[in-house]
Amino acid sequence: MAYNAANEERTELCAIQKNNRGDFVIATKILNKTTGSVSVDIRQYYTNDDDQVSPTSKGVRFNAENLLELMKALAEALETNEMMDLAEELENLASVDDEDMPE
């Protein structure tokens, strides 16, 4: 089956500047409009001579169902104070989501 970007709805989650040459790491949530499956793509991007940001082949795309397991594993690399900061950020995100929930 051939890749078809038109079947995707992409939502950029974050862009982290790698250096001052215009290189980024960008995380994107991708919804396949045909199958309804959701994946996450974390990829390196570069800025070309025309100042357009373009993807490289360096990156990974995985099913969003595996995101929690990956996040748990990545959290193990954090120092205690960083883990506390992450917990606070997650709590803030959860409270924003709770505001959107019907009573």
PDB file of N, CA and C in Angstrom:
ATOM      1  N   MET A   1       0.839  -1.170   0.000  1.00  0.00           N
ATOM      2  CA  MET A   1       0.000   0.000   0.000  1.00  0.00           C
ATOM      3  C   MET A   1       0.891   1.243   0.000  1.00  0.00           C
ATOM      4  N   ALA A   2       0.598   2.161  -0.876  1.00  0.00           N
ATOM      5  CA  ALA A   2       1.402   3.372  -1.009  1.00  0.00           C
ATOM      6  C   ALA A   2       1.024   4.393   0.063  1.00  0.00           C
ATOM      7  N   TYR A   3       2.004   5.167   0.470  1.00  0.00           N
ATOM      8  CA  TYR A   3       1.791   6.230   1.453  1.00  0.00           C
ATOM      9  C   TYR A   3       1.018   7.371   0.800  1.00  0.00           C
ATOM     10  N   ASN A   4      -0.004   7.883   1.502  1.00  0.00           N
ATOM     11  CA  ASN A   4      -0.806   8.973   0.974  1.00  0.00           C
ATOM     12  C   ASN A   4      -1.021  10.005   2.071  1.00  0.00           C
ATOM     13  N   ALA A   5      -0.277  11.108   2.018  1.00  0.00           N
ATOM     14  CA  ALA A   5      -0.358  12.151   3.046  1.00  0.00           C
ATOM     15  C   ALA A   5      -1.729  12.814   3.081  1.00  0.00           C
ATOM     16  N   ALA A   6      -2.488  12.745   1.995  1.00  0.00           N
ATOM     17  CA  ALA A   6      -3.818  13.359   1.961  1.00  0.00           C
ATOM     18  C   ALA A   6      -4.776  12.648   2.907  1.00  0.00           C
ATOM     19  N   ASN A   7      -4.463  11.410   3.284  1.00  0.00           N
ATOM     20  CA  ASN A   7      -5.311  10.646   4.203  1.00  0.00           C
ATOM     21  C   ASN A   7      -5.015  10.966   5.656  1.00  0.00           C
ATOM     22  N   GLU A   8      -4.121  11.914   5.902  1.00  0.00           N
ATOM     23  CA  GLU A   8      -3.696  12.210   7.269  1.00  0.00           C
ATOM     24  C   GLU A   8      -4.139  13.593   7.718  1.00  0.00           C
ATOM     25  N   GLU A   9      -4.508  13.672   8.990  1.00  0.00           N
ATOM     26  CA  GLU A   9      -4.725  14.955   9.645  1.00  0.00           C
ATOM     27  C   GLU A   9      -3.631  15.090  10.689  1.00  0.00           C
ATOM     28  N   ARG A  10      -2.783  16.091  10.538  1.00  0.00           N
ATOM     29  CA  ARG A  10      -1.604  16.249  11.385  1.00  0.00           C
ATOM     30  C   ARG A  10      -1.791  17.405  12.368  1.00  0.00           C
ATOM     31  N   THR A  11      -1.404  17.172  13.625  1.00  0.00           N
ATOM     32  CA  THR A  11      -1.445  18.194  14.662  1.00  0.00           C
ATOM     33  C   THR A  11      -0.068  18.269  15.294  1.00  0.00           C
ATOM     34  N   GLU A  12       0.607  19.413  15.142  1.00  0.00           N
ATOM     35  CA  GLU A  12       1.936  19.574  15.735  1.00  0.00           C
ATOM     36  C   GLU A  12       1.797  19.704  17.244  1.00  0.00           C
ATOM     37  N   LEU A  13       2.531  18.868  17.975  1.00  0.00           N
ATOM     38  CA  LEU A  13       2.481  18.869  19.435  1.00  0.00           C
ATOM     39  C   LEU A  13       3.537  19.787  20.026  1.00  0.00           C
ATOM     40  N   CYS A  14       4.736  19.763  19.469  1.00  0.00           N
ATOM     41  CA  CYS A  14       5.796  20.651  19.924  1.00  0.00           C
ATOM     42  C   CYS A  14       6.907  20.692  18.884  1.00  0.00           C
ATOM     43  N   ALA A  15       7.649  21.797  18.920  1.00  0.00           N
ATOM     44  CA  ALA A  15       8.834  21.961  18.087  1.00  0.00           C
ATOM     45  C   ALA A  15       9.943  22.444  19.006  1.00  0.00           C
ATOM     46  N   ILE A  16      11.015  21.684  19.056  1.00  0.00           N
ATOM     47  CA  ILE A  16      12.144  22.005  19.930  1.00  0.00           C
ATOM     48  C   ILE A  16      13.331  22.370  19.044  1.00  0.00           C
ATOM     49  N   GLN A  17      13.828  23.586  19.220  1.00  0.00           N
ATOM     50  CA  GLN A  17      14.972  24.022  18.419  1.00  0.00           C
ATOM     51  C   GLN A  17      16.219  23.281  18.875  1.00  0.00           C
ATOM     52  N   LYS A  18      16.912  22.644  17.932  1.00  0.00           N
ATOM     53  CA  LYS A  18      18.119  21.871  18.244  1.00  0.00           C
ATOM     54  C   LYS A  18      19.370  22.727  18.306  1.00  0.00           C
ATOM     55  N   ASN A  19      19.430  23.719  17.426  1.00  0.00           N
ATOM     56  CA  ASN A  19      20.644  24.541  17.321  1.00  0.00           C
ATOM     57  C   ASN A  19      20.277  25.867  16.662  1.00  0.00           C
ATOM     58  N   ASN A  20      21.279  26.689  16.393  1.00  0.00           N
ATOM     59  CA  ASN A  20      21.011  27.990  15.770  1.00  0.00           C
ATOM     60  C   ASN A  20      21.106  27.943  14.246  1.00  0.00           C
ATOM     61  N   ARG A  21      21.187  26.747  13.672  1.00  0.00           N
ATOM     62  CA  ARG A  21      21.248  26.595  12.211  1.00  0.00           C
ATOM     63  C   ARG A  21      19.876  26.313  11.613  1.00  0.00           C
ATOM     64  N   GLY A  22      18.838  26.297  12.456  1.00  0.00           N
ATOM     65  CA  GLY A  22      17.491  26.051  11.943  1.00  0.00           C
ATOM     66  C   GLY A  22      17.071  24.600  11.997  1.00  0.00           C
ATOM     67  N   ASP A  23      17.720  23.796  12.834  1.00  0.00           N
ATOM     68  CA  ASP A  23      17.334  22.397  12.993  1.00  0.00           C
ATOM     69  C   ASP A  23      16.376  22.265  14.177  1.00  0.00           C
ATOM     70  N   PHE A  24      15.365  21.423  14.012  1.00  0.00           N
ATOM     71  CA  PHE A  24      14.339  21.227  15.028  1.00  0.00           C
ATOM     72  C   PHE A  24      14.062  19.746  15.219  1.00  0.00           C
ATOM     73  N   VAL A  25      13.474  19.414  16.356  1.00  0.00           N
ATOM     74  CA  VAL A  25      12.820  18.124  16.558  1.00  0.00           C
ATOM     75  C   VAL A  25      11.348  18.469  16.738  1.00  0.00           C
ATOM     76  N   ILE A  26      10.506  17.861  15.908  1.00  0.00           N
ATOM     77  CA  ILE A  26       9.076  18.168  15.939  1.00  0.00           C
ATOM     78  C   ILE A  26       8.292  16.891  16.214  1.00  0.00           C
ATOM     79  N   ALA A  27       7.390  16.976  17.187  1.00  0.00           N
ATOM     80  CA  ALA A  27       6.493  15.869  17.513  1.00  0.00           C
ATOM     81  C   ALA A  27       5.119  16.196  16.931  1.00  0.00           C
ATOM     82  N   THR A  28       4.532  15.229  16.243  1.00  0.00           N
ATOM     83  CA  THR A  28       3.260  15.432  15.560  1.00  0.00           C
ATOM     84  C   THR A  28       2.317  14.264  15.845  1.00  0.00           C
ATOM     85  N   LYS A  29       1.062  14.589  16.129  1.00  0.00           N
ATOM     86  CA  LYS A  29       0.010  13.575  16.265  1.00  0.00           C
ATOM     87  C   LYS A  29      -0.641  13.439  14.891  1.00  0.00           C
ATOM     88  N   ILE A  30      -0.800  12.189  14.426  1.00  0.00           N
ATOM     89  CA  ILE A  30      -1.303  11.956  13.074  1.00  0.00           C
ATOM     90  C   ILE A  30      -2.524  11.052  13.138  1.00  0.00           C
ATOM     91  N   LEU A  31      -3.640  11.545  12.590  1.00  0.00           N
ATOM     92  CA  LEU A  31      -4.867  10.768  12.488  1.00  0.00           C
ATOM     93  C   LEU A  31      -5.001  10.287  11.054  1.00  0.00           C
ATOM     94  N   ASN A  32      -5.114   8.981  10.866  1.00  0.00           N
ATOM     95  CA  ASN A  32      -5.360   8.425   9.545  1.00  0.00           C
ATOM     96  C   ASN A  32      -6.856   8.532   9.296  1.00  0.00           C
ATOM     97  N   LYS A  33      -7.251   9.361   8.333  1.00  0.00           N
ATOM     98  CA  LYS A  33      -8.669   9.610   8.059  1.00  0.00           C
ATOM     99  C   LYS A  33      -9.392   8.373   7.550  1.00  0.00           C
ATOM    100  N   THR A  34      -8.670   7.471   6.918  1.00  0.00           N
ATOM    101  CA  THR A  34      -9.280   6.281   6.361  1.00  0.00           C
ATOM    102  C   THR A  34      -9.557   5.221   7.433  1.00  0.00           C
ATOM    103  N   THR A  35      -8.545   4.949   8.274  1.00  0.00           N
ATOM    104  CA  THR A  35      -8.680   3.873   9.259  1.00  0.00           C
ATOM    105  C   THR A  35      -9.059   4.364  10.643  1.00  0.00           C
ATOM    106  N   GLY A  36      -8.859   5.662  10.906  1.00  0.00           N
ATOM    107  CA  GLY A  36      -9.129   6.204  12.233  1.00  0.00           C
ATOM    108  C   GLY A  36      -8.006   5.960  13.222  1.00  0.00           C
ATOM    109  N   SER A  37      -6.930   5.323  12.795  1.00  0.00           N
ATOM    110  CA  SER A  37      -5.814   5.055  13.702  1.00  0.00           C
ATOM    111  C   SER A  37      -5.033   6.337  13.975  1.00  0.00           C
ATOM    112  N   VAL A  38      -4.451   6.405  15.176  1.00  0.00           N
ATOM    113  CA  VAL A  38      -3.685   7.579  15.592  1.00  0.00           C
ATOM    114  C   VAL A  38      -2.250   7.146  15.835  1.00  0.00           C
ATOM    115  N   SER A  39      -1.314   7.934  15.332  1.00  0.00           N
ATOM    116  CA  SER A  39       0.103   7.658  15.563  1.00  0.00           C
ATOM    117  C   SER A  39       0.800   8.952  15.970  1.00  0.00           C
ATOM    118  N   VAL A  40       2.019   8.784  16.459  1.00  0.00           N
ATOM    119  CA  VAL A  40       2.847   9.908  16.860  1.00  0.00           C
ATOM    120  C   VAL A  40       4.138   9.827  16.051  1.00  0.00           C
ATOM    121  N   ASP A  41       4.541  10.965  15.492  1.00  0.00           N
ATOM    122  CA  ASP A  41       5.781  11.037  14.723  1.00  0.00           C
ATOM    123  C   ASP A  41       6.705  12.013  15.417  1.00  0.00           C
ATOM    124  N   ILE A  42       7.922  11.583  15.728  1.00  0.00           N
ATOM    125  CA  ILE A  42       8.946  12.442  16.308  1.00  0.00           C
ATOM    126  C   ILE A  42      10.100  12.447  15.323  1.00  0.00           C
ATOM    127  N   ARG A  43      10.366  13.608  14.731  1.00  0.00           N
ATOM    128  CA  ARG A  43      11.289  13.655  13.600  1.00  0.00           C
ATOM    129  C   ARG A  43      12.169  14.893  13.655  1.00  0.00           C
ATOM    130  N   GLN A  44      13.375  14.763  13.111  1.00  0.00           N
ATOM    131  CA  GLN A  44      14.271  15.910  12.960  1.00  0.00           C
ATOM    132  C   GLN A  44      13.883  16.664  11.686  1.00  0.00           C
ATOM    133  N   TYR A  45      13.946  17.970  11.768  1.00  0.00           N
ATOM    134  CA  TYR A  45      13.663  18.849  10.638  1.00  0.00           C
ATOM    135  C   TYR A  45      14.851  19.788  10.463  1.00  0.00           C
ATOM    136  N   TYR A  46      14.999  20.310   9.254  1.00  0.00           N
ATOM    137  CA  TYR A  46      16.060  21.275   8.982  1.00  0.00           C
ATOM    138  C   TYR A  46      15.458  22.437   8.203  1.00  0.00           C
ATOM    139  N   THR A  47      16.144  23.576   8.223  1.00  0.00           N
ATOM    140  CA  THR A  47      15.723  24.738   7.455  1.00  0.00           C
ATOM    141  C   THR A  47      16.586  24.803   6.205  1.00  0.00           C
ATOM    142  N   ASN A  48      15.939  24.763   5.033  1.00  0.00           N
ATOM    143  CA  ASN A  48      16.707  24.757   3.786  1.00  0.00           C
ATOM    144  C   ASN A  48      17.105  26.177   3.383  1.00  0.00           C
ATOM    145  N   ASP A  49      17.759  26.300   2.244  1.00  0.00           N
ATOM    146  CA  ASP A  49      18.272  27.594   1.783  1.00  0.00           C
ATOM    147  C   ASP A  49      17.167  28.612   1.511  1.00  0.00           C
ATOM    148  N   ASP A  50      15.930  28.125   1.293  1.00  0.00           N
ATOM    149  CA  ASP A  50      14.781  29.014   1.047  1.00  0.00           C
ATOM    150  C   ASP A  50      14.012  29.309   2.333  1.00  0.00           C
ATOM    151  N   ASP A  51      14.632  28.997   3.489  1.00  0.00           N
ATOM    152  CA  ASP A  51      14.025  29.198   4.813  1.00  0.00           C
ATOM    153  C   ASP A  51      12.744  28.394   5.015  1.00  0.00           C
ATOM    154  N   GLN A  52      12.624  27.260   4.347  1.00  0.00           N
ATOM    155  CA  GLN A  52      11.502  26.359   4.560  1.00  0.00           C
ATOM    156  C   GLN A  52      11.962  25.231   5.471  1.00  0.00           C
ATOM    157  N   VAL A  53      11.146  24.909   6.463  1.00  0.00           N
ATOM    158  CA  VAL A  53      11.470  23.827   7.386  1.00  0.00           C
ATOM    159  C   VAL A  53      10.966  22.526   6.765  1.00  0.00           C
ATOM    160  N   SER A  54      11.874  21.561   6.610  1.00  0.00           N
ATOM    161  CA  SER A  54      11.560  20.299   5.941  1.00  0.00           C
ATOM    162  C   SER A  54      11.997  19.123   6.802  1.00  0.00           C
ATOM    163  N   PRO A  55      11.288  17.982   6.695  1.00  0.00           N
ATOM    164  CA  PRO A  55      11.646  16.811   7.500  1.00  0.00           C
ATOM    165  C   PRO A  55      12.878  16.095   6.950  1.00  0.00           C
ATOM    166  N   THR A  56      13.568  15.403   7.844  1.00  0.00           N
ATOM    167  CA  THR A  56      14.649  14.510   7.435  1.00  0.00           C
ATOM    168  C   THR A  56      14.131  13.076   7.561  1.00  0.00           C
ATOM    169  N   SER A  57      14.952  12.124   7.199  1.00  0.00           N
ATOM    170  CA  SER A  57      14.571  10.720   7.367  1.00  0.00           C
ATOM    171  C   SER A  57      14.823  10.239   8.794  1.00  0.00           C
ATOM    172  N   LYS A  58      15.453  11.082   9.614  1.00  0.00           N
ATOM    173  CA  LYS A  58      15.768  10.713  10.992  1.00  0.00           C
ATOM    174  C   LYS A  58      14.555  10.970  11.877  1.00  0.00           C
ATOM    175  N   GLY A  59      13.933   9.901  12.310  1.00  0.00           N
ATOM    176  CA  GLY A  59      12.774  10.033  13.163  1.00  0.00           C
ATOM    177  C   GLY A  59      12.098   8.695  13.342  1.00  0.00           C
ATOM    178  N   VAL A  60      11.002   8.734  14.070  1.00  0.00           N
ATOM    179  CA  VAL A  60      10.267   7.510  14.334  1.00  0.00           C
ATOM    180  C   VAL A  60       8.779   7.833  14.375  1.00  0.00           C
ATOM    181  N   ARG A  61       7.971   6.907  13.859  1.00  0.00           N
ATOM    182  CA  ARG A  61       6.521   7.013  13.937  1.00  0.00           C
ATOM    183  C   ARG A  61       6.026   5.717  14.585  1.00  0.00           C
ATOM    184  N   PHE A  62       5.146   5.876  15.572  1.00  0.00           N
ATOM    185  CA  PHE A  62       4.630   4.696  16.258  1.00  0.00           C
ATOM    186  C   PHE A  62       3.166   4.904  16.591  1.00  0.00           C
ATOM    187  N   ASN A  63       2.465   3.791  16.818  1.00  0.00           N
ATOM    188  CA  ASN A  63       1.059   3.820  17.163  1.00  0.00           C
ATOM    189  C   ASN A  63       0.881   4.517  18.505  1.00  0.00           C
ATOM    190  N   ALA A  64      -0.083   5.405  18.604  1.00  0.00           N
ATOM    191  CA  ALA A  64      -0.320   6.165  19.829  1.00  0.00           C
ATOM    192  C   ALA A  64      -0.680   5.253  21.007  1.00  0.00           C
ATOM    193  N   GLU A  65      -1.131   4.036  20.739  1.00  0.00           N
ATOM    194  CA  GLU A  65      -1.435   3.088  21.815  1.00  0.00           C
ATOM    195  C   GLU A  65      -0.186   2.765  22.638  1.00  0.00           C
ATOM    196  N   ASN A  66       0.997   2.937  22.056  1.00  0.00           N
ATOM    197  CA  ASN A  66       2.260   2.655  22.744  1.00  0.00           C
ATOM    198  C   ASN A  66       2.834   3.875  23.457  1.00  0.00           C
ATOM    199  N   LEU A  67       2.146   5.011  23.393  1.00  0.00           N
ATOM    200  CA  LEU A  67       2.675   6.262  23.932  1.00  0.00           C
ATOM    201  C   LEU A  67       2.866   6.214  25.445  1.00  0.00           C
ATOM    202  N   LEU A  68       1.908   5.667  26.180  1.00  0.00           N
ATOM    203  CA  LEU A  68       2.034   5.620  27.635  1.00  0.00           C
ATOM    204  C   LEU A  68       3.251   4.798  28.054  1.00  0.00           C
ATOM    205  N   GLU A  69       3.443   3.658  27.427  1.00  0.00           N
ATOM    206  CA  GLU A  69       4.603   2.813  27.741  1.00  0.00           C
ATOM    207  C   GLU A  69       5.909   3.545  27.447  1.00  0.00           C
ATOM    208  N   LEU A  70       5.966   4.247  26.325  1.00  0.00           N
ATOM    209  CA  LEU A  70       7.164   5.006  25.975  1.00  0.00           C
ATOM    210  C   LEU A  70       7.400   6.134  26.968  1.00  0.00           C
ATOM    211  N   MET A  71       6.339   6.842  27.347  1.00  0.00           N
ATOM    212  CA  MET A  71       6.490   7.955  28.288  1.00  0.00           C
ATOM    213  C   MET A  71       6.976   7.467  29.647  1.00  0.00           C
ATOM    214  N   LYS A  72       6.487   6.312  30.089  1.00  0.00           N
ATOM    215  CA  LYS A  72       6.962   5.748  31.357  1.00  0.00           C
ATOM    216  C   LYS A  72       8.456   5.453  31.278  1.00  0.00           C
ATOM    217  N   ALA A  73       8.891   4.881  30.176  1.00  0.00           N
ATOM    218  CA  ALA A  73      10.305   4.545  30.009  1.00  0.00           C
ATOM    219  C   ALA A  73      11.162   5.810  29.954  1.00  0.00           C
ATOM    220  N   LEU A  74      10.692   6.837  29.258  1.00  0.00           N
ATOM    221  CA  LEU A  74      11.443   8.083  29.170  1.00  0.00           C
ATOM    222  C   LEU A  74      11.508   8.791  30.520  1.00  0.00           C
ATOM    223  N   ALA A  75      10.465   8.667  31.321  1.00  0.00           N
ATOM    224  CA  ALA A  75      10.445   9.301  32.640  1.00  0.00           C
ATOM    225  C   ALA A  75      11.551   8.747  33.530  1.00  0.00           C
ATOM    226  N   GLU A  76      11.943   7.507  33.306  1.00  0.00           N
ATOM    227  CA  GLU A  76      13.020   6.905  34.098  1.00  0.00           C
ATOM    228  C   GLU A  76      14.355   7.618  33.882  1.00  0.00           C
ATOM    229  N   ALA A  77      14.487   8.350  32.796  1.00  0.00           N
ATOM    230  CA  ALA A  77      15.725   9.076  32.516  1.00  0.00           C
ATOM    231  C   ALA A  77      15.778  10.423  33.235  1.00  0.00           C
ATOM    232  N   LEU A  78      14.664  10.831  33.847  1.00  0.00           N
ATOM    233  CA  LEU A  78      14.601  12.132  34.503  1.00  0.00           C
ATOM    234  C   LEU A  78      15.186  12.093  35.908  1.00  0.00           C
ATOM    235  N   GLU A  79      15.723  13.224  36.315  1.00  0.00           N
ATOM    236  CA  GLU A  79      16.140  13.420  37.702  1.00  0.00           C
ATOM    237  C   GLU A  79      14.875  13.658  38.531  1.00  0.00           C
ATOM    238  N   THR A  80      14.982  13.523  39.840  1.00  0.00           N
ATOM    239  CA  THR A  80      13.822  13.657  40.718  1.00  0.00           C
ATOM    240  C   THR A  80      13.128  14.998  40.547  1.00  0.00           C
ATOM    241  N   ASN A  81      13.882  16.095  40.510  1.00  0.00           N
ATOM    242  CA  ASN A  81      13.255  17.410  40.358  1.00  0.00           C
ATOM    243  C   ASN A  81      12.575  17.559  39.002  1.00  0.00           C
ATOM    244  N   GLU A  82      13.139  16.957  37.960  1.00  0.00           N
ATOM    245  CA  GLU A  82      12.523  17.004  36.641  1.00  0.00           C
ATOM    246  C   GLU A  82      11.228  16.190  36.633  1.00  0.00           C
ATOM    247  N   MET A  83      11.235  15.068  37.346  1.00  0.00           N
ATOM    248  CA  MET A  83      10.041  14.235  37.436  1.00  0.00           C
ATOM    249  C   MET A  83       8.916  14.992  38.155  1.00  0.00           C
ATOM    250  N   MET A  84       9.272  15.753  39.184  1.00  0.00           N
ATOM    251  CA  MET A  84       8.286  16.555  39.908  1.00  0.00           C
ATOM    252  C   MET A  84       7.716  17.642  38.985  1.00  0.00           C
ATOM    253  N   ASP A  85       8.578  18.271  38.189  1.00  0.00           N
ATOM    254  CA  ASP A  85       8.110  19.272  37.226  1.00  0.00           C
ATOM    255  C   ASP A  85       7.157  18.646  36.210  1.00  0.00           C
ATOM    256  N   LEU A  86       7.495  17.450  35.741  1.00  0.00           N
ATOM    257  CA  LEU A  86       6.636  16.741  34.790  1.00  0.00           C
ATOM    258  C   LEU A  86       5.288  16.421  35.430  1.00  0.00           C
ATOM    259  N   ALA A  87       5.304  15.952  36.670  1.00  0.00           N
ATOM    260  CA  ALA A  87       4.057  15.628  37.369  1.00  0.00           C
ATOM    261  C   ALA A  87       3.169  16.864  37.468  1.00  0.00           C
ATOM    262  N   GLU A  88       3.775  18.008  37.745  1.00  0.00           N
ATOM    263  CA  GLU A  88       3.017  19.262  37.834  1.00  0.00           C
ATOM    264  C   GLU A  88       2.410  19.626  36.481  1.00  0.00           C
ATOM    265  N   GLU A  89       3.195  19.473  35.411  1.00  0.00           N
ATOM    266  CA  GLU A  89       2.691  19.770  34.070  1.00  0.00           C
ATOM    267  C   GLU A  89       1.529  18.843  33.708  1.00  0.00           C
ATOM    268  N   LEU A  90       1.666  17.555  34.040  1.00  0.00           N
ATOM    269  CA  LEU A  90       0.598  16.600  33.744  1.00  0.00           C
ATOM    270  C   LEU A  90      -0.664  16.924  34.530  1.00  0.00           C
ATOM    271  N   GLU A  91      -0.497  17.349  35.767  1.00  0.00           N
ATOM    272  CA  GLU A  91      -1.638  17.742  36.582  1.00  0.00           C
ATOM    273  C   GLU A  91      -2.341  18.952  35.962  1.00  0.00           C
ATOM    274  N   ASN A  92      -1.566  19.917  35.486  1.00  0.00           N
ATOM    275  CA  ASN A  92      -2.150  21.087  34.828  1.00  0.00           C
ATOM    276  C   ASN A  92      -2.914  20.690  33.564  1.00  0.00           C
ATOM    277  N   LEU A  93      -2.345  19.779  32.782  1.00  0.00           N
ATOM    278  CA  LEU A  93      -3.028  19.310  31.577  1.00  0.00           C
ATOM    279  C   LEU A  93      -4.327  18.600  31.925  1.00  0.00           C
ATOM    280  N   ALA A  94      -4.302  17.792  32.972  1.00  0.00           N
ATOM    281  CA  ALA A  94      -5.498  17.052  33.383  1.00  0.00           C
ATOM    282  C   ALA A  94      -6.590  18.004  33.847  1.00  0.00           C
ATOM    283  N   SER A  95      -6.221  19.074  34.529  1.00  0.00           N
ATOM    284  CA  SER A  95      -7.236  20.019  35.003  1.00  0.00           C
ATOM    285  C   SER A  95      -7.858  20.782  33.839  1.00  0.00           C
ATOM    286  N   VAL A  96      -7.085  21.059  32.790  1.00  0.00           N
ATOM    287  CA  VAL A  96      -7.633  21.702  31.600  1.00  0.00           C
ATOM    288  C   VAL A  96      -8.616  20.769  30.926  1.00  0.00           C
ATOM    289  N   ASP A  97      -8.269  19.482  30.809  1.00  0.00           N
ATOM    290  CA  ASP A  97      -9.168  18.491  30.209  1.00  0.00           C
ATOM    291  C   ASP A  97     -10.440  18.345  31.035  1.00  0.00           C
ATOM    292  N   ASP A  98     -10.344  18.407  32.358  1.00  0.00           N
ATOM    293  CA  ASP A  98     -11.511  18.278  33.233  1.00  0.00           C
ATOM    294  C   ASP A  98     -12.498  19.420  33.001  1.00  0.00           C
ATOM    295  N   GLU A  99     -11.988  20.602  32.668  1.00  0.00           N
ATOM    296  CA  GLU A  99     -12.860  21.753  32.409  1.00  0.00           C
ATOM    297  C   GLU A  99     -13.694  21.535  31.166  1.00  0.00           C
ATOM    298  N   ASP A 100     -13.187  20.728  30.229  1.00  0.00           N
ATOM    299  CA  ASP A 100     -13.914  20.470  28.979  1.00  0.00           C
ATOM    300  C   ASP A 100     -14.963  19.368  29.134  1.00  0.00           C
ATOM    301  N   MET A 101     -14.915  18.630  30.235  1.00  0.00           N
ATOM    302  CA  MET A 101     -15.809  17.508  30.461  1.00  0.00           C
ATOM    303  C   MET A 101     -17.200  17.999  30.878  1.00  0.00           C
ATOM    304  N   PRO A 102     -18.262  17.414  30.316  1.00  0.00           N
ATOM    305  CA  PRO A 102     -19.614  17.789  30.761  1.00  0.00           C
ATOM    306  C   PRO A 102     -19.865  17.261  32.167  1.00  0.00           C
ATOM    307  N   GLU A 103     -20.702  17.952  32.923  1.00  0.00           N
ATOM    308  CA  GLU A 103     -20.988  17.568  34.313  1.00  0.00           C
ATOM    309  C   GLU A 103     -21.974  16.432  34.375  1.00  0.00           C
TER     310      GLU A 103
END
